[in-house]
Amino acid sequence: MSVGKVAALALALLRRPVLWPVAVRQAHRLASRGWWRRAPFVPFPDATYAGFRALTQYGDAEREPDVADVLVWLEWCREMEQGA
């Protein structure tokens, strides 16, 4: 994910504090093993997994997720955690 997309997502999340815990949990669940040992030292998902998800959602393994799509997904995760 590009720096610009990460910044845009962070800004969008700042406006939605109810999603903060969900975002942290999902980052922890999806982070590649040993992410803290490799630059940029951010818990991004494994590139193969991210490519698969992009391919299934957008039809292009190289496409970065839209910020709006990430927010919808986090809201869905929040609802599933609450048993909705």
PDB file of N, CA and C in Angstrom:
ATOM      1  N   MET A   1       0.852  -1.170   0.000  1.00  0.00           N
ATOM      2  CA  MET A   1       0.000   0.000   0.000  1.00  0.00           C
ATOM      3  C   MET A   1       0.897   1.231   0.000  1.00  0.00           C
ATOM      4  N   SER A   2       0.579   2.175  -0.844  1.00  0.00           N
ATOM      5  CA  SER A   2       1.402   3.377  -0.962  1.00  0.00           C
ATOM      6  C   SER A   2       1.269   4.248   0.282  1.00  0.00           C
ATOM      7  N   VAL A   3       2.251   5.103   0.469  1.00  0.00           N
ATOM      8  CA  VAL A   3       2.256   6.007   1.621  1.00  0.00           C
ATOM      9  C   VAL A   3       1.017   6.900   1.592  1.00  0.00           C
ATOM     10  N   GLY A   4       0.644   7.358   0.406  1.00  0.00           N
ATOM     11  CA  GLY A   4      -0.533   8.213   0.277  1.00  0.00           C
ATOM     12  C   GLY A   4      -1.811   7.513   0.706  1.00  0.00           C
ATOM     13  N   LYS A   5      -1.968   6.242   0.310  1.00  0.00           N
ATOM     14  CA  LYS A   5      -3.159   5.481   0.690  1.00  0.00           C
ATOM     15  C   LYS A   5      -3.172   5.206   2.191  1.00  0.00           C
ATOM     16  N   VAL A   6      -2.004   4.907   2.747  1.00  0.00           N
ATOM     17  CA  VAL A   6      -1.927   4.664   4.194  1.00  0.00           C
ATOM     18  C   VAL A   6      -2.301   5.944   4.943  1.00  0.00           C
ATOM     19  N   ALA A   7      -1.804   7.083   4.473  1.00  0.00           N
ATOM     20  CA  ALA A   7      -2.126   8.367   5.114  1.00  0.00           C
ATOM     21  C   ALA A   7      -3.620   8.661   4.989  1.00  0.00           C
ATOM     22  N   ALA A   8      -4.196   8.432   3.817  1.00  0.00           N
ATOM     23  CA  ALA A   8      -5.623   8.671   3.622  1.00  0.00           C
ATOM     24  C   ALA A   8      -6.451   7.752   4.516  1.00  0.00           C
ATOM     25  N   LEU A   9      -6.038   6.507   4.646  1.00  0.00           N
ATOM     26  CA  LEU A   9      -6.752   5.577   5.510  1.00  0.00           C
ATOM     27  C   LEU A   9      -6.635   6.002   6.973  1.00  0.00           C
ATOM     28  N   ALA A  10      -5.435   6.407   7.383  1.00  0.00           N
ATOM     29  CA  ALA A  10      -5.245   6.866   8.762  1.00  0.00           C
ATOM     30  C   ALA A  10      -6.133   8.069   9.063  1.00  0.00           C
ATOM     31  N   LEU A  11      -6.211   9.008   8.134  1.00  0.00           N
ATOM     32  CA  LEU A  11      -7.081  10.175   8.315  1.00  0.00           C
ATOM     33  C   LEU A  11      -8.544   9.762   8.413  1.00  0.00           C
ATOM     34  N   ALA A  12      -8.958   8.862   7.549  1.00  0.00           N
ATOM     35  CA  ALA A  12     -10.343   8.396   7.576  1.00  0.00           C
ATOM     36  C   ALA A  12     -10.643   7.678   8.896  1.00  0.00           C
ATOM     37  N   LEU A  13      -9.688   6.914   9.387  1.00  0.00           N
ATOM     38  CA  LEU A  13      -9.891   6.211  10.653  1.00  0.00           C
ATOM     39  C   LEU A  13      -9.918   7.169  11.834  1.00  0.00           C
ATOM     40  N   LEU A  14      -9.155   8.254  11.760  1.00  0.00           N
ATOM     41  CA  LEU A  14      -9.187   9.238  12.843  1.00  0.00           C
ATOM     42  C   LEU A  14     -10.597   9.773  13.061  1.00  0.00           C
ATOM     43  N   ARG A  15     -11.362   9.859  11.999  1.00  0.00           N
ATOM     44  CA  ARG A  15     -12.742  10.363  12.086  1.00  0.00           C
ATOM     45  C   ARG A  15     -13.731   9.302  12.568  1.00  0.00           C
ATOM     46  N   ARG A  16     -13.256   8.065  12.721  1.00  0.00           N
ATOM     47  CA  ARG A  16     -14.137   6.963  13.126  1.00  0.00           C
ATOM     48  C   ARG A  16     -13.511   6.183  14.281  1.00  0.00           C
ATOM     49  N   PRO A  17     -13.475   6.770  15.470  1.00  0.00           N
ATOM     50  CA  PRO A  17     -12.821   6.099  16.603  1.00  0.00           C
ATOM     51  C   PRO A  17     -13.417   4.741  16.946  1.00  0.00           C
ATOM     52  N   VAL A  18     -14.675   4.507  16.577  1.00  0.00           N
ATOM     53  CA  VAL A  18     -15.292   3.212  16.857  1.00  0.00           C
ATOM     54  C   VAL A  18     -14.585   2.089  16.091  1.00  0.00           C
ATOM     55  N   LEU A  19     -13.904   2.431  15.009  1.00  0.00           N
ATOM     56  CA  LEU A  19     -13.203   1.417  14.211  1.00  0.00           C
ATOM     57  C   LEU A  19     -11.743   1.213  14.633  1.00  0.00           C
ATOM     58  N   TRP A  20     -11.227   2.038  15.527  1.00  0.00           N
ATOM     59  CA  TRP A  20      -9.826   1.907  15.925  1.00  0.00           C
ATOM     60  C   TRP A  20      -9.486   0.519  16.465  1.00  0.00           C
ATOM     61  N   PRO A  21     -10.253   0.004  17.443  1.00  0.00           N
ATOM     62  CA  PRO A  21      -9.894  -1.327  17.955  1.00  0.00           C
ATOM     63  C   PRO A  21      -9.990  -2.416  16.885  1.00  0.00           C
ATOM     64  N   VAL A  22     -10.975  -2.289  16.021  1.00  0.00           N
ATOM     65  CA  VAL A  22     -11.150  -3.282  14.945  1.00  0.00           C
ATOM     66  C   VAL A  22      -9.955  -3.238  14.003  1.00  0.00           C
ATOM     67  N   ALA A  23      -9.520  -2.033  13.648  1.00  0.00           N
ATOM     68  CA  ALA A  23      -8.378  -1.878  12.739  1.00  0.00           C
ATOM     69  C   ALA A  23      -7.108  -2.475  13.348  1.00  0.00           C
ATOM     70  N   VAL A  24      -6.911  -2.264  14.634  1.00  0.00           N
ATOM     71  CA  VAL A  24      -5.723  -2.827  15.299  1.00  0.00           C
ATOM     72  C   VAL A  24      -5.797  -4.349  15.305  1.00  0.00           C
ATOM     73  N   ARG A  25      -6.961  -4.894  15.627  1.00  0.00           N
ATOM     74  CA  ARG A  25      -7.100  -6.356  15.637  1.00  0.00           C
ATOM     75  C   ARG A  25      -6.882  -6.951  14.249  1.00  0.00           C
ATOM     76  N   GLN A  26      -7.442  -6.322  13.232  1.00  0.00           N
ATOM     77  CA  GLN A  26      -7.292  -6.848  11.876  1.00  0.00           C
ATOM     78  C   GLN A  26      -5.841  -6.725  11.397  1.00  0.00           C
ATOM     79  N   ALA A  27      -5.190  -5.617  11.736  1.00  0.00           N
ATOM     80  CA  ALA A  27      -3.770  -5.477  11.369  1.00  0.00           C
ATOM     81  C   ALA A  27      -2.952  -6.588  12.011  1.00  0.00           C
ATOM     82  N   HIS A  28      -3.254  -6.902  13.258  1.00  0.00           N
ATOM     83  CA  HIS A  28      -2.546  -7.976  13.956  1.00  0.00           C
ATOM     84  C   HIS A  28      -2.821  -9.327  13.314  1.00  0.00           C
ATOM     85  N   ARG A  29      -4.070  -9.573  12.959  1.00  0.00           N
ATOM     86  CA  ARG A  29      -4.448 -10.867  12.365  1.00  0.00           C
ATOM     87  C   ARG A  29      -3.851 -11.075  10.978  1.00  0.00           C
ATOM     88  N   LEU A  30      -3.760 -10.004  10.203  1.00  0.00           N
ATOM     89  CA  LEU A  30      -3.333 -10.131   8.806  1.00  0.00           C
ATOM     90  C   LEU A  30      -1.841  -9.886   8.583  1.00  0.00           C
ATOM     91  N   ALA A  31      -1.152  -9.389   9.589  1.00  0.00           N
ATOM     92  CA  ALA A  31       0.262  -9.043   9.417  1.00  0.00           C
ATOM     93  C   ALA A  31       1.099 -10.263   9.041  1.00  0.00           C
ATOM     94  N   SER A  32       2.070 -10.044   8.149  1.00  0.00           N
ATOM     95  CA  SER A  32       3.001 -11.113   7.784  1.00  0.00           C
ATOM     96  C   SER A  32       3.825 -11.495   9.003  1.00  0.00           C
ATOM     97  N   ARG A  33       4.224 -12.727   9.022  1.00  0.00           N
ATOM     98  CA  ARG A  33       5.103 -13.165  10.114  1.00  0.00           C
ATOM     99  C   ARG A  33       6.421 -12.402  10.056  1.00  0.00           C
ATOM    100  N   GLY A  34       6.881 -11.985  11.196  1.00  0.00           N
ATOM    101  CA  GLY A  34       8.166 -11.298  11.296  1.00  0.00           C
ATOM    102  C   GLY A  34       8.185  -9.915  10.659  1.00  0.00           C
ATOM    103  N   TRP A  35       7.040  -9.260  10.551  1.00  0.00           N
ATOM    104  CA  TRP A  35       6.971  -7.945   9.897  1.00  0.00           C
ATOM    105  C   TRP A  35       7.869  -6.921  10.581  1.00  0.00           C
ATOM    106  N   TRP A  36       8.113  -7.075  11.864  1.00  0.00           N
ATOM    107  CA  TRP A  36       8.922  -6.118  12.618  1.00  0.00           C
ATOM    108  C   TRP A  36      10.407  -6.214  12.289  1.00  0.00           C
ATOM    109  N   ARG A  37      10.801  -7.282  11.570  1.00  0.00           N
ATOM    110  CA  ARG A  37      12.209  -7.462  11.198  1.00  0.00           C
ATOM    111  C   ARG A  37      12.551  -6.866   9.842  1.00  0.00           C
ATOM    112  N   ARG A  38      11.531  -6.454   9.077  1.00  0.00           N
ATOM    113  CA  ARG A  38      11.757  -5.973   7.712  1.00  0.00           C
ATOM    114  C   ARG A  38      11.191  -4.577   7.519  1.00  0.00           C
ATOM    115  N   ALA A  39      11.979  -3.742   6.860  1.00  0.00           N
ATOM    116  CA  ALA A  39      11.494  -2.406   6.511  1.00  0.00           C
ATOM    117  C   ALA A  39      10.310  -2.569   5.588  1.00  0.00           C
ATOM    118  N   PRO A  40       9.306  -1.794   5.698  1.00  0.00           N
ATOM    119  CA  PRO A  40       9.162  -0.530   6.426  1.00  0.00           C
ATOM    120  C   PRO A  40       8.660  -0.694   7.856  1.00  0.00           C
ATOM    121  N   PHE A  41       8.749  -1.895   8.441  1.00  0.00           N
ATOM    122  CA  PHE A  41       8.386  -2.145   9.836  1.00  0.00           C
ATOM    123  C   PHE A  41       6.926  -1.775  10.123  1.00  0.00           C
ATOM    124  N   VAL A  42       6.060  -2.134   9.201  1.00  0.00           N
ATOM    125  CA  VAL A  42       4.619  -1.893   9.312  1.00  0.00           C
ATOM    126  C   VAL A  42       3.925  -3.241   9.126  1.00  0.00           C
ATOM    127  N   PRO A  43       2.892  -3.520   9.925  1.00  0.00           N
ATOM    128  CA  PRO A  43       2.253  -4.840   9.843  1.00  0.00           C
ATOM    129  C   PRO A  43       1.332  -5.015   8.632  1.00  0.00           C
ATOM    130  N   PHE A  44       1.911  -4.955   7.442  1.00  0.00           N
ATOM    131  CA  PHE A  44       1.136  -5.193   6.221  1.00  0.00           C
ATOM    132  C   PHE A  44       0.912  -6.686   6.039  1.00  0.00           C
ATOM    133  N   PRO A  45      -0.170  -7.057   5.358  1.00  0.00           N
ATOM    134  CA  PRO A  45      -0.384  -8.479   5.063  1.00  0.00           C
ATOM    135  C   PRO A  45       0.660  -8.990   4.066  1.00  0.00           C
ATOM    136  N   ASP A  46       0.826 -10.286   4.033  1.00  0.00           N
ATOM    137  CA  ASP A  46       1.714 -10.926   3.077  1.00  0.00           C
ATOM    138  C   ASP A  46       1.324 -10.499   1.653  1.00  0.00           C
ATOM    139  N   ALA A  47       2.308 -10.237   0.811  1.00  0.00           N
ATOM    140  CA  ALA A  47       2.053  -9.743  -0.548  1.00  0.00           C
ATOM    141  C   ALA A  47       1.222 -10.729  -1.371  1.00  0.00           C
ATOM    142  N   THR A  48       1.450 -12.027  -1.188  1.00  0.00           N
ATOM    143  CA  THR A  48       0.675 -13.030  -1.924  1.00  0.00           C
ATOM    144  C   THR A  48      -0.794 -12.975  -1.518  1.00  0.00           C
ATOM    145  N   TYR A  49      -1.048 -12.876  -0.231  1.00  0.00           N
ATOM    146  CA  TYR A  49      -2.421 -12.788   0.264  1.00  0.00           C
ATOM    147  C   TYR A  49      -3.083 -11.499  -0.225  1.00  0.00           C
ATOM    148  N   ALA A  50      -2.375 -10.384  -0.118  1.00  0.00           N
ATOM    149  CA  ALA A  50      -2.930  -9.101  -0.564  1.00  0.00           C
ATOM    150  C   ALA A  50      -3.245  -9.140  -2.061  1.00  0.00           C
ATOM    151  N   GLY A  51      -2.371  -9.751  -2.837  1.00  0.00           N
ATOM    152  CA  GLY A  51      -2.615  -9.884  -4.269  1.00  0.00           C
ATOM    153  C   GLY A  51      -3.838 -10.728  -4.569  1.00  0.00           C
ATOM    154  N   PHE A  52      -3.998 -11.828  -3.825  1.00  0.00           N
ATOM    155  CA  PHE A  52      -5.172 -12.686  -3.997  1.00  0.00           C
ATOM    156  C   PHE A  52      -6.450 -11.920  -3.677  1.00  0.00           C
ATOM    157  N   ARG A  53      -6.450 -11.176  -2.576  1.00  0.00           N
ATOM    158  CA  ARG A  53      -7.641 -10.416  -2.189  1.00  0.00           C
ATOM    159  C   ARG A  53      -7.957  -9.337  -3.223  1.00  0.00           C
ATOM    160  N   ALA A  54      -6.924  -8.665  -3.742  1.00  0.00           N
ATOM    161  CA  ALA A  54      -7.141  -7.641  -4.770  1.00  0.00           C
ATOM    162  C   ALA A  54      -7.697  -8.276  -6.041  1.00  0.00           C
ATOM    163  N   LEU A  55      -7.180  -9.428  -6.398  1.00  0.00           N
ATOM    164  CA  LEU A  55      -7.662 -10.118  -7.594  1.00  0.00           C
ATOM    165  C   LEU A  55      -9.128 -10.513  -7.447  1.00  0.00           C
ATOM    166  N   THR A  56      -9.497 -11.024  -6.277  1.00  0.00           N
ATOM    167  CA  THR A  56     -10.884 -11.446  -6.086  1.00  0.00           C
ATOM    168  C   THR A  56     -11.836 -10.266  -5.962  1.00  0.00           C
ATOM    169  N   GLN A  57     -11.363  -9.130  -5.463  1.00  0.00           N
ATOM    170  CA  GLN A  57     -12.252  -7.978  -5.302  1.00  0.00           C
ATOM    171  C   GLN A  57     -12.293  -7.091  -6.540  1.00  0.00           C
ATOM    172  N   TYR A  58     -11.114  -6.824  -7.120  1.00  0.00           N
ATOM    173  CA  TYR A  58     -11.030  -5.853  -8.205  1.00  0.00           C
ATOM    174  C   TYR A  58     -10.705  -6.459  -9.569  1.00  0.00           C
ATOM    175  N   GLY A  59     -10.316  -7.726  -9.584  1.00  0.00           N
ATOM    176  CA  GLY A  59      -9.932  -8.349 -10.841  1.00  0.00           C
ATOM    177  C   GLY A  59      -8.512  -8.019 -11.260  1.00  0.00           C
ATOM    178  N   ASP A  60      -7.741  -7.432 -10.365  1.00  0.00           N
ATOM    179  CA  ASP A  60      -6.364  -7.018 -10.649  1.00  0.00           C
ATOM    180  C   ASP A  60      -5.531  -7.209  -9.386  1.00  0.00           C
ATOM    181  N   ALA A  61      -4.593  -8.144  -9.423  1.00  0.00           N
ATOM    182  CA  ALA A  61      -3.783  -8.458  -8.244  1.00  0.00           C
ATOM    183  C   ALA A  61      -2.877  -7.312  -7.817  1.00  0.00           C
ATOM    184  N   GLU A  62      -2.648  -6.349  -8.699  1.00  0.00           N
ATOM    185  CA  GLU A  62      -1.744  -5.242  -8.376  1.00  0.00           C
ATOM    186  C   GLU A  62      -2.465  -4.020  -7.816  1.00  0.00           C
ATOM    187  N   ARG A  63      -3.778  -4.013  -7.854  1.00  0.00           N
ATOM    188  CA  ARG A  63      -4.532  -2.836  -7.422  1.00  0.00           C
ATOM    189  C   ARG A  63      -4.540  -2.709  -5.900  1.00  0.00           C
ATOM    190  N   GLU A  64      -4.338  -1.488  -5.439  1.00  0.00           N
ATOM    191  CA  GLU A  64      -4.412  -1.210  -4.008  1.00  0.00           C
ATOM    192  C   GLU A  64      -5.872  -1.026  -3.613  1.00  0.00           C
ATOM    193  N   PRO A  65      -6.224  -1.394  -2.398  1.00  0.00           N
ATOM    194  CA  PRO A  65      -7.613  -1.242  -1.981  1.00  0.00           C
ATOM    195  C   PRO A  65      -8.003   0.232  -1.851  1.00  0.00           C
ATOM    196  N   ASP A  66      -9.252   0.516  -2.166  1.00  0.00           N
ATOM    197  CA  ASP A  66      -9.778   1.863  -1.968  1.00  0.00           C
ATOM    198  C   ASP A  66     -10.000   2.079  -0.476  1.00  0.00           C
ATOM    199  N   VAL A  67      -9.764   3.301  -0.033  1.00  0.00           N
ATOM    200  CA  VAL A  67      -9.962   3.630   1.381  1.00  0.00           C
ATOM    201  C   VAL A  67     -11.408   3.346   1.786  1.00  0.00           C
ATOM    202  N   ALA A  68     -12.350   3.725   0.960  1.00  0.00           N
ATOM    203  CA  ALA A  68     -13.768   3.480   1.272  1.00  0.00           C
ATOM    204  C   ALA A  68     -14.043   1.988   1.433  1.00  0.00           C
ATOM    205  N   ASP A  69     -13.421   1.161   0.613  1.00  0.00           N
ATOM    206  CA  ASP A  69     -13.615  -0.288   0.710  1.00  0.00           C
ATOM    207  C   ASP A  69     -13.035  -0.830   2.020  1.00  0.00           C
ATOM    208  N   VAL A  70     -11.907  -0.307   2.436  1.00  0.00           N
ATOM    209  CA  VAL A  70     -11.304  -0.743   3.701  1.00  0.00           C
ATOM    210  C   VAL A  70     -12.214  -0.372   4.870  1.00  0.00           C
ATOM    211  N   LEU A  71     -12.782   0.818   4.830  1.00  0.00           N
ATOM    212  CA  LEU A  71     -13.682   1.248   5.900  1.00  0.00           C
ATOM    213  C   LEU A  71     -14.941   0.381   5.957  1.00  0.00           C
ATOM    214  N   VAL A  72     -15.489   0.051   4.794  1.00  0.00           N
ATOM    215  CA  VAL A  72     -16.666  -0.830   4.756  1.00  0.00           C
ATOM    216  C   VAL A  72     -16.305  -2.196   5.330  1.00  0.00           C
ATOM    217  N   TRP A  73     -15.138  -2.703   4.955  1.00  0.00           N
ATOM    218  CA  TRP A  73     -14.690  -3.996   5.463  1.00  0.00           C
ATOM    219  C   TRP A  73     -14.499  -3.959   6.984  1.00  0.00           C
ATOM    220  N   LEU A  74     -13.899  -2.884   7.503  1.00  0.00           N
ATOM    221  CA  LEU A  74     -13.707  -2.768   8.949  1.00  0.00           C
ATOM    222  C   LEU A  74     -15.045  -2.686   9.679  1.00  0.00           C
ATOM    223  N   GLU A  75     -15.993  -1.984   9.098  1.00  0.00           N
ATOM    224  CA  GLU A  75     -17.328  -1.905   9.698  1.00  0.00           C
ATOM    225  C   GLU A  75     -17.969  -3.292   9.703  1.00  0.00           C
ATOM    226  N   TRP A  76     -17.802  -4.045   8.620  1.00  0.00           N
ATOM    227  CA  TRP A  76     -18.321  -5.411   8.554  1.00  0.00           C
ATOM    228  C   TRP A  76     -17.665  -6.273   9.639  1.00  0.00           C
ATOM    229  N   CYS A  77     -16.346  -6.156   9.787  1.00  0.00           N
ATOM    230  CA  CYS A  77     -15.634  -6.911  10.824  1.00  0.00           C
ATOM    231  C   CYS A  77     -16.180  -6.564  12.213  1.00  0.00           C
ATOM    232  N   ARG A  78     -16.417  -5.285  12.433  1.00  0.00           N
ATOM    233  CA  ARG A  78     -16.963  -4.834  13.731  1.00  0.00           C
ATOM    234  C   ARG A  78     -18.324  -5.467  13.978  1.00  0.00           C
ATOM    235  N   GLU A  79     -19.179  -5.467  12.974  1.00  0.00           N
ATOM    236  CA  GLU A  79     -20.508  -6.072  13.132  1.00  0.00           C
ATOM    237  C   GLU A  79     -20.403  -7.570  13.382  1.00  0.00           C
ATOM    238  N   MET A  80     -19.490  -8.255  12.706  1.00  0.00           N
ATOM    239  CA  MET A  80     -19.328  -9.699  12.899  1.00  0.00           C
ATOM    240  C   MET A  80     -18.809 -10.000  14.306  1.00  0.00           C
ATOM    241  N   GLU A  81     -17.918  -9.151  14.804  1.00  0.00           N
ATOM    242  CA  GLU A  81     -17.397  -9.353  16.158  1.00  0.00           C
ATOM    243  C   GLU A  81     -18.484  -9.180  17.208  1.00  0.00           C
ATOM    244  N   GLN A  82     -19.460  -8.332  16.902  1.00  0.00           N
ATOM    245  CA  GLN A  82     -20.559  -8.082  17.844  1.00  0.00           C
ATOM    246  C   GLN A  82     -21.653  -9.140  17.708  1.00  0.00           C
ATOM    247  N   GLY A  83     -21.526 -10.013  16.729  1.00  0.00           N
ATOM    248  CA  GLY A  83     -22.503 -11.071  16.543  1.00  0.00           C
ATOM    249  C   GLY A  83     -23.748 -10.613  15.798  1.00  0.00           C
ATOM    250  N   ALA A  84     -23.583  -9.570  14.990  1.00  0.00           N
ATOM    251  CA  ALA A  84     -24.735  -9.040  14.247  1.00  0.00           C
ATOM    252  C   ALA A  84     -25.158  -9.974  13.145  1.00  0.00           C
TER     253      ALA A  84
END
